[in-house]
Amino acid sequence: MTRECSPPTPTPTGTPLSGSVLAEAAVVFAVVLSIHAAVWDRYSWCAVALAVQAFYVQYKWDRLLQHGSAVFQFRMSANSGLLPASMVMPLFGLVMKERCQAAGNPFFERFGIVVAATGMAVALFSSVLALGITRPVPSNTCVISGLAGGVIIYIMKHSLSVGEVIEVLEVLLIFVYLNMILLYLLPRCFTPGEALLVLGGISFVLNQLIKRSLTVVESQGDPVDFFLLVIVVGMVLMGIFFSTLFVFMDSGTWASSIFFHLMTCVLGLGVVLPWLHRLIRRNPLLWLLQFLFQTDTRIYLLAYWSLLATLACLVVLYQNAKRSSSESKKHQAPTIARKYFHFIVVATYVPGIIFDRPLLYVAATVCLAVFIFLEYVRYFRIKPLGHSLRSLLSLFLDERDSGPLILTHIYLLLGMSLPIWLVPRPCTQKGSLGGARALVPYAGVLAVGVGDTVASIFGSTMGEIHWPGTKKTFEGTMTSIFAQIISVALILIFDSGVDLNYSYAWILGSISTVSLLEAYTTQIDNLLLPLYLLILLMA
């Protein structure tokens, strides 16, 4: 979400090395060097090399977008965002490796290395794609990318087993096909960086699900982990199936709508549930009901979350009632009204993190499936709710919803949930998440729920001093940092499991760095900011 007083007009995305792009790159390099200093091994050197080549290639991507030479149609109100997106998976893999090594868990330590290698492979592929279609071919950038890629491939080849190399290549292959399919079906929904981040993550999840399904006898894991994998992959495959199907038929008729609901039931009951049953080796519906109502605390949390969900629906209906009474046909919800949902998700996630994180893990997964399903209904105009959802949600659109999909609310849910989903629970034992790392589950709450919300409200109402090259304000950023510090103090008071061990300087530096990234980035901050804060806190 942004904190402009009004939606900005799209600006050319290929302005050579503008001040905002350089500032964004400086913040990302500060994060990369901080992780490099904390880890300091051959993998962190690979991350530094990747950041240098991604910075050079990002400029070429911006030129491609400016001249309309990109292969696919990307979101035009932002730069390519290749540098910040390229570094997320490699840096997360590095800090996961360090934390799991400290916890004495060799399996997840190797898994962290695979995550880092996969992220670097996907980023290098995106760079090669950009350079391959640039005319004239940028010789200096090609040399830098070639040197960095050669170093990374050499080090990773001698650090991974044959099976791990095959796993990285499998993810890369899935990523290539998902790029060709989804970027064609969904024009203007992503920037190149957002596509790299989102489709790279989906590719990795799909590969993990295939791998665990083929080795189900040997695989051991918590059912909630399998639940997330199956739900995410099932919803993506469902979207691809219906997108392909409705190319040949009108999706807005009653016959198509009935067929949509029937096929949804068939896919859910005939594919998703049996797949989940094979992985967890029990009835998924009975397991889910038993899990949700296992304790009184979970029942109270579910009732509380139901009230908040009702409140969110009432906010949507109230804002649409105001639009109906407004004389302006183009009435849009103000920035503060959109931030109501940020306050609601903070009120949702904080009690879940404190009292029952496994329940929050599963509830967020269910909520993600519901959000994606409703977006399919809206996008395909499925009766009886399709047209109503189009009307209700159009009020909350901003310039980042320029494609056929409305994704900002899904990004908000992902940003809040990824710190809960991503950190392996076996690596949170034996004190390996002490100090600043104790705040890792709160990364989404701090970066998006508190920081971005406060920055938006104060920046749009009282901000006067603008950061160079942006419409973001100095006052918004400072109040954002202050609000997150106050939130950390409140977390210390109400969550007895958090012990910062005097790591206040690192926490303040992490919050300030991510707040500066929010001020300068043109990517989806609901998704990007929690991931960077998660990486810094884990380091």
Protein backbone atom coordinates (compact mmCIF):
# COMPACT_ATOMS: atom_id res chain seq x y z
CA MET A 1 0.00 0.00 0.00
CA THR A 2 1.13 3.55 -0.62
CA ARG A 3 0.74 6.67 1.40
CA GLU A 4 0.22 9.25 -1.34
CA CYS A 5 -2.60 11.71 -0.99
CA SER A 6 -3.84 10.62 -4.42
CA PRO A 7 -2.85 7.84 -6.81
CA PRO A 8 0.19 8.96 -8.79
CA THR A 9 0.22 8.97 -12.52
CA PRO A 10 2.36 6.23 -14.07
CA THR A 11 5.87 7.38 -14.75
CA PRO A 12 8.31 6.01 -17.28
CA THR A 13 9.91 2.93 -15.81
CA GLY A 14 13.15 3.17 -17.66
CA THR A 15 14.57 6.44 -16.36
CA PRO A 16 18.31 5.74 -16.20
CA LEU A 17 19.47 5.33 -12.62
CA SER A 18 17.00 7.77 -11.06
CA GLY A 19 17.51 8.84 -7.47
CA SER A 20 14.77 6.59 -6.11
CA VAL A 21 16.18 3.54 -7.92
CA LEU A 22 19.67 4.24 -6.59
CA ALA A 23 18.32 4.74 -3.06
CA GLU A 24 16.36 1.48 -3.24
CA ALA A 25 19.49 -0.30 -4.49
CA ALA A 26 21.55 1.23 -1.66
CA VAL A 27 19.11 -0.10 0.93
CA VAL A 28 19.14 -3.58 -0.62
CA PHE A 29 22.95 -3.59 -0.73
CA ALA A 30 23.00 -2.55 2.94
CA VAL A 31 20.86 -5.61 3.76
CA VAL A 32 23.03 -7.90 1.63
CA LEU A 33 26.24 -6.68 3.26
CA SER A 34 24.72 -7.01 6.73
CA ILE A 35 23.81 -10.65 6.06
CA HIS A 36 27.23 -11.19 4.49
CA ALA A 37 28.91 -9.85 7.65
CA ALA A 38 26.74 -12.09 9.84
CA VAL A 39 27.32 -15.26 7.80
CA TRP A 40 30.68 -14.67 6.06
CA ASP A 41 31.10 -17.85 4.03
CA ARG A 42 31.29 -18.76 0.34
CA TYR A 43 27.50 -18.67 0.02
CA SER A 44 27.31 -15.10 1.29
CA TRP A 45 29.98 -14.12 -1.25
CA CYS A 46 27.68 -15.59 -3.90
CA ALA A 47 24.88 -13.36 -2.61
CA VAL A 48 27.09 -10.28 -2.95
CA ALA A 49 28.00 -11.24 -6.53
CA LEU A 50 24.34 -11.85 -7.34
CA ALA A 51 23.37 -8.41 -5.98
CA VAL A 52 25.98 -6.68 -8.17
CA GLN A 53 24.83 -8.38 -11.36
CA ALA A 54 21.13 -7.91 -10.49
CA PHE A 55 21.73 -4.17 -10.07
CA TYR A 56 23.18 -3.92 -13.57
CA VAL A 57 20.49 -6.11 -15.14
CA GLN A 58 17.69 -4.16 -13.42
CA TYR A 59 18.71 -1.10 -15.44
CA LYS A 60 18.34 -3.14 -18.65
CA TRP A 61 14.92 -4.38 -17.58
CA ASP A 62 13.84 -0.79 -16.96
CA ARG A 63 14.97 0.16 -20.46
CA LEU A 64 13.02 -2.77 -21.91
CA LEU A 65 9.87 -1.71 -20.07
CA GLN A 66 10.29 1.90 -21.17
CA HIS A 67 10.57 0.99 -24.85
CA GLY A 68 7.89 -1.72 -24.71
CA SER A 69 10.36 -4.44 -25.71
CA ALA A 70 9.60 -6.86 -22.86
CA VAL A 71 8.23 -10.25 -23.86
CA PHE A 72 5.21 -9.97 -21.54
CA GLN A 73 3.08 -7.04 -20.35
CA PHE A 74 4.23 -5.98 -16.90
CA ARG A 75 2.79 -3.50 -14.41
CA MET A 76 3.82 -0.07 -15.66
CA SER A 77 3.62 2.12 -12.53
CA ALA A 78 6.88 0.76 -11.12
CA ASN A 79 10.45 -0.04 -12.07
CA SER A 80 11.43 -3.62 -12.78
CA GLY A 81 12.35 -4.36 -9.16
CA LEU A 82 14.75 -7.12 -10.15
CA LEU A 83 17.38 -6.33 -7.50
CA PRO A 84 15.18 -6.42 -4.35
CA ALA A 85 13.27 -9.47 -5.61
CA SER A 86 16.40 -11.39 -6.63
CA MET A 87 17.87 -11.23 -3.14
CA VAL A 88 14.93 -12.50 -1.08
CA MET A 89 15.26 -16.28 -1.57
CA PRO A 90 19.10 -16.37 -1.46
CA LEU A 91 19.29 -14.26 1.71
CA PHE A 92 16.50 -16.21 3.38
CA GLY A 93 18.26 -19.48 2.54
CA LEU A 94 21.49 -18.18 4.07
CA VAL A 95 19.92 -17.10 7.35
CA MET A 96 17.90 -20.33 7.52
CA LYS A 97 21.11 -22.31 7.11
CA GLU A 98 22.75 -20.37 9.96
CA ARG A 99 19.82 -20.71 12.34
CA CYS A 100 19.32 -24.43 11.69
CA GLN A 101 23.05 -25.02 12.04
CA ALA A 102 22.91 -23.30 15.43
CA ALA A 103 19.93 -25.48 16.38
CA GLY A 104 21.84 -28.63 15.37
CA ASN A 105 19.43 -29.62 12.61
CA PRO A 106 21.50 -30.79 9.63
CA PHE A 107 18.44 -31.56 7.46
CA PHE A 108 17.13 -28.00 7.47
CA GLU A 109 20.68 -26.66 7.30
CA ARG A 110 21.07 -28.39 3.92
CA PHE A 111 17.55 -27.29 3.02
CA GLY A 112 18.61 -23.67 3.59
CA ILE A 113 21.50 -24.11 1.16
CA VAL A 114 19.09 -25.55 -1.42
CA VAL A 115 16.77 -22.55 -0.93
CA ALA A 116 19.68 -20.14 -1.45
CA ALA A 117 20.91 -22.00 -4.53
CA THR A 118 17.40 -22.14 -5.98
CA GLY A 119 16.90 -18.42 -5.46
CA MET A 120 20.19 -17.65 -7.19
CA ALA A 121 19.36 -19.94 -10.11
CA VAL A 122 15.95 -18.36 -10.65
CA ALA A 123 17.42 -14.84 -10.42
CA LEU A 124 20.18 -15.69 -12.89
CA PHE A 125 17.62 -17.09 -15.32
CA SER A 126 15.60 -13.87 -15.14
CA SER A 127 18.78 -11.88 -15.77
CA VAL A 128 19.68 -13.99 -18.80
CA LEU A 129 16.13 -13.52 -20.11
CA ALA A 130 16.44 -9.74 -19.87
CA LEU A 131 19.89 -9.61 -21.48
CA GLY A 132 18.91 -12.05 -24.22
CA ILE A 133 16.20 -9.80 -25.65
CA THR A 134 17.97 -6.46 -25.17
CA ARG A 135 19.03 -4.75 -28.39
CA PRO A 136 21.79 -3.82 -28.76
CA VAL A 137 23.28 -6.46 -26.48
CA PRO A 138 24.77 -4.69 -23.40
CA SER A 139 28.32 -6.04 -23.49
CA ASN A 140 29.49 -4.64 -20.12
CA THR A 141 26.41 -5.92 -18.30
CA CYS A 142 26.79 -9.31 -19.99
CA VAL A 143 30.40 -9.53 -18.80
CA ILE A 144 29.44 -8.69 -15.21
CA SER A 145 26.52 -11.11 -15.25
CA GLY A 146 28.69 -13.81 -16.81
CA LEU A 147 31.41 -13.43 -14.19
CA ALA A 148 28.94 -13.38 -11.29
CA GLY A 149 26.97 -16.30 -12.71
CA GLY A 150 30.14 -18.32 -13.32
CA VAL A 151 31.32 -17.82 -9.73
CA ILE A 152 27.90 -18.72 -8.30
CA ILE A 153 27.51 -21.83 -10.45
CA TYR A 154 31.06 -23.02 -9.66
CA ILE A 155 30.64 -22.62 -5.89
CA MET A 156 27.15 -24.12 -5.79
CA LYS A 157 28.11 -27.04 -8.02
CA HIS A 158 30.83 -28.03 -5.56
CA SER A 159 28.58 -27.46 -2.53
CA LEU A 160 25.46 -29.40 -3.51
CA SER A 161 24.94 -33.12 -3.89
CA VAL A 162 23.70 -34.56 -7.17
CA GLY A 163 20.18 -34.87 -5.77
CA GLU A 164 20.20 -31.25 -4.60
CA VAL A 165 21.42 -30.03 -8.00
CA ILE A 166 18.57 -31.94 -9.65
CA GLU A 167 16.13 -30.37 -7.19
CA VAL A 168 17.35 -26.86 -8.08
CA LEU A 169 17.01 -27.61 -11.79
CA GLU A 170 13.49 -28.98 -11.26
CA VAL A 171 12.41 -25.73 -9.58
CA LEU A 172 14.00 -23.74 -12.39
CA LEU A 173 12.11 -25.78 -15.00
CA ILE A 174 8.80 -25.29 -13.18
CA PHE A 175 9.55 -21.57 -12.89
CA VAL A 176 10.14 -21.28 -16.65
CA TYR A 177 6.81 -22.91 -17.49
CA LEU A 178 4.87 -20.94 -14.86
CA ASN A 179 6.34 -17.72 -16.24
CA MET A 180 5.20 -18.55 -19.76
CA ILE A 181 1.70 -19.56 -18.60
CA LEU A 182 0.83 -17.05 -15.88
CA LEU A 183 2.46 -13.96 -17.36
CA TYR A 184 0.55 -14.64 -20.59
CA LEU A 185 -2.75 -15.22 -18.78
CA LEU A 186 -2.30 -12.28 -16.37
CA PRO A 187 -0.88 -9.24 -18.20
CA ARG A 188 0.05 -6.13 -16.17
CA CYS A 189 -0.42 -7.95 -12.83
CA PHE A 190 3.28 -8.07 -11.94
CA THR A 191 6.54 -6.24 -12.37
CA PRO A 192 9.47 -8.49 -13.39
CA GLY A 193 10.63 -8.49 -9.77
CA GLU A 194 7.21 -9.38 -8.40
CA ALA A 195 6.88 -12.17 -10.96
CA LEU A 196 10.29 -13.48 -9.92
CA LEU A 197 9.33 -13.44 -6.24
CA VAL A 198 5.80 -14.83 -6.52
CA LEU A 199 6.34 -17.40 -9.27
CA GLY A 200 9.69 -18.46 -7.81
CA GLY A 201 8.00 -19.16 -4.49
CA ILE A 202 5.14 -21.08 -6.12
CA SER A 203 7.64 -23.13 -8.16
CA PHE A 204 9.56 -24.08 -5.03
CA VAL A 205 6.36 -25.05 -3.18
CA LEU A 206 5.18 -27.17 -6.13
CA ASN A 207 8.52 -28.97 -6.33
CA GLN A 208 8.51 -29.65 -2.58
CA LEU A 209 5.01 -31.10 -2.80
CA ILE A 210 5.97 -33.37 -5.70
CA LYS A 211 9.11 -34.47 -3.88
CA ARG A 212 7.28 -35.27 -0.64
CA SER A 213 4.47 -37.04 -2.49
CA LEU A 214 6.93 -39.35 -4.24
CA THR A 215 8.74 -40.15 -0.98
CA VAL A 216 5.67 -40.24 1.26
CA VAL A 217 6.80 -43.41 3.05
CA GLU A 218 10.10 -41.86 4.11
CA SER A 219 8.86 -38.28 4.56
CA GLN A 220 8.01 -37.13 8.04
CA GLY A 221 6.52 -33.81 8.92
CA ASP A 222 3.79 -31.92 10.66
CA PRO A 223 0.38 -32.24 8.92
CA VAL A 224 0.02 -28.44 8.98
CA ASP A 225 3.06 -28.17 6.68
CA PHE A 226 1.53 -30.58 4.17
CA PHE A 227 -1.76 -28.71 4.48
CA LEU A 228 -0.12 -25.47 3.33
CA LEU A 229 1.70 -27.13 0.41
CA VAL A 230 -1.39 -28.90 -0.93
CA ILE A 231 -3.66 -25.87 -0.57
CA VAL A 232 -1.28 -23.47 -2.34
CA VAL A 233 -0.56 -25.84 -5.22
CA GLY A 234 -4.21 -26.86 -5.52
CA MET A 235 -5.41 -23.26 -5.81
CA VAL A 236 -2.77 -22.39 -8.42
CA LEU A 237 -3.59 -25.46 -10.54
CA MET A 238 -7.29 -24.69 -10.21
CA GLY A 239 -6.70 -21.17 -11.54
CA ILE A 240 -4.68 -22.43 -14.52
CA PHE A 241 -7.35 -25.05 -15.29
CA PHE A 242 -10.25 -22.57 -15.29
CA SER A 243 -8.25 -19.90 -17.16
CA THR A 244 -7.58 -22.40 -19.94
CA LEU A 245 -11.16 -23.68 -19.93
CA PHE A 246 -12.83 -20.27 -20.09
CA VAL A 247 -10.82 -19.33 -23.16
CA PHE A 248 -13.26 -21.54 -25.05
CA MET A 249 -16.50 -20.60 -23.25
CA ASP A 250 -18.19 -17.59 -21.68
CA SER A 251 -17.64 -17.70 -17.93
CA GLY A 252 -20.45 -15.26 -17.09
CA THR A 253 -23.42 -17.51 -17.91
CA TRP A 254 -25.36 -19.58 -15.40
CA ALA A 255 -24.34 -22.79 -17.17
CA SER A 256 -20.64 -21.88 -16.89
CA SER A 257 -21.09 -20.83 -13.26
CA ILE A 258 -22.74 -24.12 -12.32
CA PHE A 259 -19.97 -25.98 -14.15
CA PHE A 260 -17.36 -23.90 -12.25
CA HIS A 261 -18.82 -24.84 -8.87
CA LEU A 262 -19.18 -28.49 -9.82
CA MET A 263 -15.60 -28.71 -11.09
CA THR A 264 -14.38 -26.96 -7.95
CA CYS A 265 -16.03 -29.68 -5.88
CA VAL A 266 -14.58 -32.37 -8.15
CA LEU A 267 -11.07 -30.95 -7.91
CA GLY A 268 -11.35 -30.42 -4.17
CA LEU A 269 -12.88 -33.78 -3.28
CA GLY A 270 -11.23 -35.80 -6.04
CA VAL A 271 -7.71 -34.35 -6.11
CA VAL A 272 -6.85 -32.08 -3.17
CA LEU A 273 -8.33 -34.15 -0.35
CA PRO A 274 -6.96 -37.51 -1.59
CA TRP A 275 -3.56 -35.88 -2.12
CA LEU A 276 -3.61 -34.52 1.43
CA HIS A 277 -4.84 -37.87 2.76
CA ARG A 278 -1.87 -39.61 1.16
CA LEU A 279 0.56 -37.21 2.82
CA ILE A 280 -0.86 -37.04 6.34
CA ARG A 281 -2.25 -40.63 6.29
CA ARG A 282 -5.57 -39.72 7.88
CA ASN A 283 -8.89 -38.20 6.85
CA PRO A 284 -8.11 -34.52 6.14
CA LEU A 285 -11.56 -33.20 7.10
CA LEU A 286 -11.65 -35.09 10.40
CA TRP A 287 -8.08 -34.01 11.14
CA LEU A 288 -8.94 -30.36 10.42
CA LEU A 289 -12.04 -30.39 12.63
CA GLN A 290 -10.16 -32.09 15.44
CA PHE A 291 -7.30 -29.62 15.07
CA LEU A 292 -9.49 -26.50 15.08
CA PHE A 293 -11.54 -27.45 18.14
CA GLN A 294 -8.82 -29.20 20.12
CA THR A 295 -8.69 -26.72 23.01
CA ASP A 296 -10.87 -24.01 24.53
CA THR A 297 -8.27 -21.40 23.54
CA ARG A 298 -8.70 -22.32 19.89
CA ILE A 299 -12.48 -22.04 20.13
CA TYR A 300 -12.17 -18.57 21.67
CA LEU A 301 -9.70 -17.48 18.99
CA LEU A 302 -11.93 -18.76 16.19
CA ALA A 303 -14.92 -16.88 17.62
CA TYR A 304 -12.82 -13.71 17.97
CA TRP A 305 -11.54 -14.01 14.39
CA SER A 306 -15.09 -14.54 13.13
CA LEU A 307 -16.08 -11.22 14.73
CA LEU A 308 -13.14 -9.47 13.04
CA ALA A 309 -14.07 -11.01 9.68
CA THR A 310 -17.60 -9.71 10.12
CA LEU A 311 -16.20 -6.26 10.96
CA ALA A 312 -14.09 -6.29 7.77
CA CYS A 313 -17.17 -7.14 5.69
CA LEU A 314 -19.09 -4.31 7.35
CA VAL A 315 -16.28 -1.87 6.47
CA VAL A 316 -16.53 -2.91 2.81
CA LEU A 317 -20.31 -2.53 2.80
CA TYR A 318 -20.14 0.84 4.58
CA GLN A 319 -17.60 2.27 2.13
CA ASN A 320 -19.68 1.08 -0.81
CA ALA A 321 -22.79 2.67 0.73
CA LYS A 322 -20.87 5.96 0.88
CA ARG A 323 -19.94 5.54 -2.78
CA SER A 324 -23.56 4.97 -3.70
CA SER A 325 -24.56 8.21 -1.98
CA SER A 326 -21.64 10.14 -3.49
CA GLU A 327 -22.22 12.28 -6.53
CA SER A 328 -18.85 11.28 -8.03
CA LYS A 329 -19.01 8.12 -10.12
CA LYS A 330 -15.28 7.61 -9.61
CA HIS A 331 -15.40 7.72 -5.84
CA GLN A 332 -12.53 5.73 -4.32
CA ALA A 333 -11.91 4.77 -0.72
CA PRO A 334 -9.38 7.13 0.91
CA THR A 335 -6.00 5.86 2.02
CA ILE A 336 -7.05 5.81 5.69
CA ALA A 337 -10.12 3.69 4.86
CA ARG A 338 -7.91 1.10 3.12
CA LYS A 339 -5.68 0.99 6.19
CA TYR A 340 -8.62 -0.16 8.34
CA PHE A 341 -7.87 -3.65 7.04
CA HIS A 342 -4.28 -3.37 8.26
CA PHE A 343 -5.52 -2.67 11.78
CA ILE A 344 -7.92 -5.60 11.53
CA VAL A 345 -5.18 -8.04 10.47
CA VAL A 346 -2.93 -6.79 13.30
CA ALA A 347 -5.75 -7.48 15.74
CA THR A 348 -6.08 -10.92 14.11
CA TYR A 349 -2.45 -12.00 14.07
CA VAL A 350 -1.10 -10.74 17.40
CA PRO A 351 -3.34 -12.94 19.62
CA GLY A 352 -2.68 -15.90 17.31
CA ILE A 353 1.08 -15.46 17.57
CA ILE A 354 0.94 -15.14 21.36
CA PHE A 355 -1.54 -17.90 22.21
CA ASP A 356 -1.56 -20.51 19.41
CA ARG A 357 0.79 -20.25 16.41
CA PRO A 358 -0.13 -23.65 14.88
CA LEU A 359 -3.79 -22.56 14.78
CA LEU A 360 -2.78 -19.26 13.17
CA TYR A 361 -0.70 -21.21 10.64
CA VAL A 362 -3.71 -23.31 9.57
CA ALA A 363 -6.23 -20.47 9.76
CA ALA A 364 -4.07 -18.26 7.53
CA THR A 365 -3.82 -21.12 5.02
CA VAL A 366 -7.60 -21.51 4.95
CA CYS A 367 -8.03 -17.75 4.60
CA LEU A 368 -5.58 -17.70 1.67
CA ALA A 369 -7.59 -20.42 -0.09
CA VAL A 370 -10.82 -18.45 0.47
CA PHE A 371 -9.26 -15.20 -0.84
CA ILE A 372 -7.96 -16.90 -3.98
CA PHE A 373 -11.24 -18.69 -4.60
CA LEU A 374 -13.23 -15.44 -4.25
CA GLU A 375 -10.81 -13.75 -6.65
CA TYR A 376 -11.48 -16.51 -9.18
CA VAL A 377 -15.21 -15.91 -8.72
CA ARG A 378 -14.75 -12.17 -9.25
CA TYR A 379 -12.33 -12.49 -12.17
CA PHE A 380 -14.41 -15.04 -14.10
CA ARG A 381 -17.70 -13.28 -13.17
CA ILE A 382 -19.08 -16.48 -11.68
CA LYS A 383 -22.74 -16.19 -10.66
CA PRO A 384 -24.22 -15.36 -8.22
CA LEU A 385 -21.39 -13.42 -6.50
CA GLY A 386 -19.06 -12.48 -9.35
CA HIS A 387 -20.58 -9.14 -10.33
CA SER A 388 -21.21 -8.14 -6.70
CA LEU A 389 -17.57 -8.77 -5.78
CA ARG A 390 -16.42 -6.72 -8.78
CA SER A 391 -18.50 -3.78 -7.59
CA LEU A 392 -17.58 -4.07 -3.91
CA LEU A 393 -13.83 -4.47 -4.38
CA SER A 394 -13.42 -1.88 -7.13
CA LEU A 395 -13.76 0.80 -4.44
CA PHE A 396 -10.46 -0.26 -2.87
CA LEU A 397 -8.34 -0.40 -6.02
CA ASP A 398 -5.12 1.58 -6.31
CA GLU A 399 -2.57 2.01 -9.08
CA ARG A 400 -0.95 -1.34 -8.22
CA ASP A 401 -4.08 -3.23 -9.27
CA SER A 402 -3.62 -2.35 -12.94
CA GLY A 403 -4.04 -5.90 -14.26
CA PRO A 404 -7.12 -8.13 -14.44
CA LEU A 405 -6.56 -9.48 -10.90
CA ILE A 406 -6.95 -7.66 -7.57
CA LEU A 407 -4.00 -8.89 -5.55
CA THR A 408 -3.25 -6.30 -2.84
CA HIS A 409 -5.46 -7.98 -0.22
CA ILE A 410 -3.86 -11.35 -1.01
CA TYR A 411 -0.40 -9.77 -0.74
CA LEU A 412 -1.40 -8.33 2.65
CA LEU A 413 -2.38 -11.79 3.89
CA LEU A 414 0.86 -13.28 2.51
CA GLY A 415 3.00 -10.56 4.08
CA MET A 416 1.48 -11.19 7.49
CA SER A 417 1.60 -14.99 7.16
CA LEU A 418 4.99 -15.70 5.55
CA PRO A 419 6.96 -15.10 8.80
CA ILE A 420 4.71 -17.75 10.40
CA TRP A 421 4.92 -20.19 7.50
CA LEU A 422 8.56 -19.97 6.45
CA VAL A 423 10.67 -20.50 9.57
CA PRO A 424 11.13 -24.27 10.21
CA ARG A 425 9.78 -25.09 13.66
CA PRO A 426 12.59 -27.57 14.47
CA CYS A 427 15.04 -24.68 14.08
CA THR A 428 13.22 -22.52 16.64
CA GLN A 429 14.20 -24.78 19.52
CA LYS A 430 17.27 -24.79 21.77
CA GLY A 431 17.27 -21.00 21.99
CA SER A 432 18.16 -20.51 18.34
CA LEU A 433 15.52 -17.78 18.07
CA GLY A 434 16.65 -15.68 21.00
CA GLY A 435 17.43 -11.99 20.87
CA ALA A 436 16.16 -10.12 17.81
CA ARG A 437 15.23 -13.48 16.27
CA ALA A 438 12.43 -13.78 18.86
CA LEU A 439 10.58 -11.11 16.86
CA VAL A 440 10.64 -13.14 13.63
CA PRO A 441 6.95 -14.22 13.87
CA TYR A 442 6.03 -10.55 14.28
CA ALA A 443 7.88 -9.41 11.13
CA GLY A 444 4.67 -9.03 9.13
CA VAL A 445 2.87 -7.29 11.97
CA LEU A 446 5.70 -4.78 12.42
CA ALA A 447 6.56 -4.09 8.76
CA VAL A 448 3.08 -4.00 7.22
CA GLY A 449 0.49 -3.99 9.99
CA VAL A 450 2.13 -1.20 11.96
CA GLY A 451 4.94 0.41 9.93
CA ASP A 452 3.31 0.75 6.53
CA THR A 453 -0.05 1.71 8.06
CA VAL A 454 1.32 4.48 10.26
CA ALA A 455 3.58 5.76 7.47
CA SER A 456 0.62 5.92 5.11
CA ILE A 457 -1.69 7.73 7.51
CA PHE A 458 0.82 10.27 8.84
CA GLY A 459 2.51 10.74 5.47
CA SER A 460 -0.77 11.52 3.69
CA THR A 461 -2.14 13.81 6.41
CA MET A 462 0.87 15.64 7.86
CA GLY A 463 3.83 14.88 5.58
CA GLU A 464 5.53 17.86 3.93
CA ILE A 465 9.16 16.85 3.37
CA HIS A 466 9.39 14.34 0.52
CA TRP A 467 12.16 11.81 0.05
CA PRO A 468 14.04 12.72 -3.16
CA GLY A 469 12.45 11.21 -6.25
CA THR A 470 9.35 9.87 -4.47
CA LYS A 471 6.00 11.00 -3.09
CA LYS A 472 6.77 9.36 0.25
CA THR A 473 7.49 11.72 3.14
CA PHE A 474 10.16 11.98 5.81
CA GLU A 475 7.50 12.44 8.49
CA GLY A 476 5.74 9.24 7.44
CA THR A 477 8.96 7.22 7.62
CA MET A 478 9.98 8.60 11.03
CA THR A 479 6.56 7.96 12.58
CA SER A 480 6.65 4.48 11.06
CA ILE A 481 9.95 3.70 12.81
CA PHE A 482 8.70 5.17 16.09
CA ALA A 483 5.44 3.18 15.93
CA GLN A 484 7.31 -0.08 15.32
CA ILE A 485 9.59 0.59 18.31
CA ILE A 486 6.53 1.18 20.50
CA SER A 487 5.06 -2.05 19.13
CA VAL A 488 8.22 -3.98 20.06
CA ALA A 489 7.90 -2.62 23.61
CA LEU A 490 4.27 -3.77 23.76
CA ILE A 491 5.25 -7.21 22.44
CA LEU A 492 7.80 -7.48 25.27
CA ILE A 493 5.05 -6.68 27.77
CA PHE A 494 2.35 -9.04 26.48
CA ASP A 495 4.40 -11.94 25.05
CA SER A 496 6.42 -13.58 27.80
CA GLY A 497 8.18 -15.80 25.27
CA VAL A 498 10.06 -12.86 23.72
CA ASP A 499 13.50 -12.13 25.19
CA LEU A 500 15.53 -9.65 23.15
CA ASN A 501 18.80 -10.17 25.08
CA TYR A 502 19.80 -6.51 24.65
CA SER A 503 19.89 -6.76 20.85
CA TYR A 504 18.16 -3.39 20.59
CA ALA A 505 20.65 -1.83 18.17
CA TRP A 506 20.14 -4.58 15.57
CA ILE A 507 16.34 -4.34 15.95
CA LEU A 508 16.40 -0.57 15.50
CA GLY A 509 18.71 -0.87 12.49
CA SER A 510 16.51 -3.57 10.90
CA ILE A 511 13.32 -1.58 11.37
CA SER A 512 14.93 1.61 10.05
CA THR A 513 16.38 -0.15 7.00
CA VAL A 514 13.06 -1.73 6.05
CA SER A 515 11.26 1.60 6.59
CA LEU A 516 13.68 3.26 4.17
CA LEU A 517 13.04 0.47 1.68
CA GLU A 518 9.31 1.19 2.01
CA ALA A 519 9.97 4.85 1.24
CA TYR A 520 11.81 4.16 -2.00
CA THR A 521 10.51 0.89 -3.45
CA THR A 522 7.82 0.84 -6.11
CA GLN A 523 7.21 -2.88 -5.67
CA ILE A 524 4.35 -4.40 -3.65
CA ASP A 525 5.46 -3.44 -0.15
CA ASN A 526 2.85 -5.69 1.51
CA LEU A 527 4.91 -8.64 0.27
CA LEU A 528 8.46 -7.29 0.10
CA LEU A 529 8.84 -5.49 3.44
CA PRO A 530 7.94 -8.43 5.77
CA LEU A 531 10.38 -10.69 3.93
CA TYR A 532 13.27 -8.25 4.33
CA LEU A 533 12.48 -7.64 7.99
CA LEU A 534 12.22 -11.41 8.50
CA ILE A 535 15.66 -11.89 6.93
CA LEU A 536 17.28 -9.16 9.03
CA LEU A 537 15.75 -10.36 12.30
CA MET A 538 16.76 -13.97 11.64
CA ALA A 539 20.35 -12.92 10.95
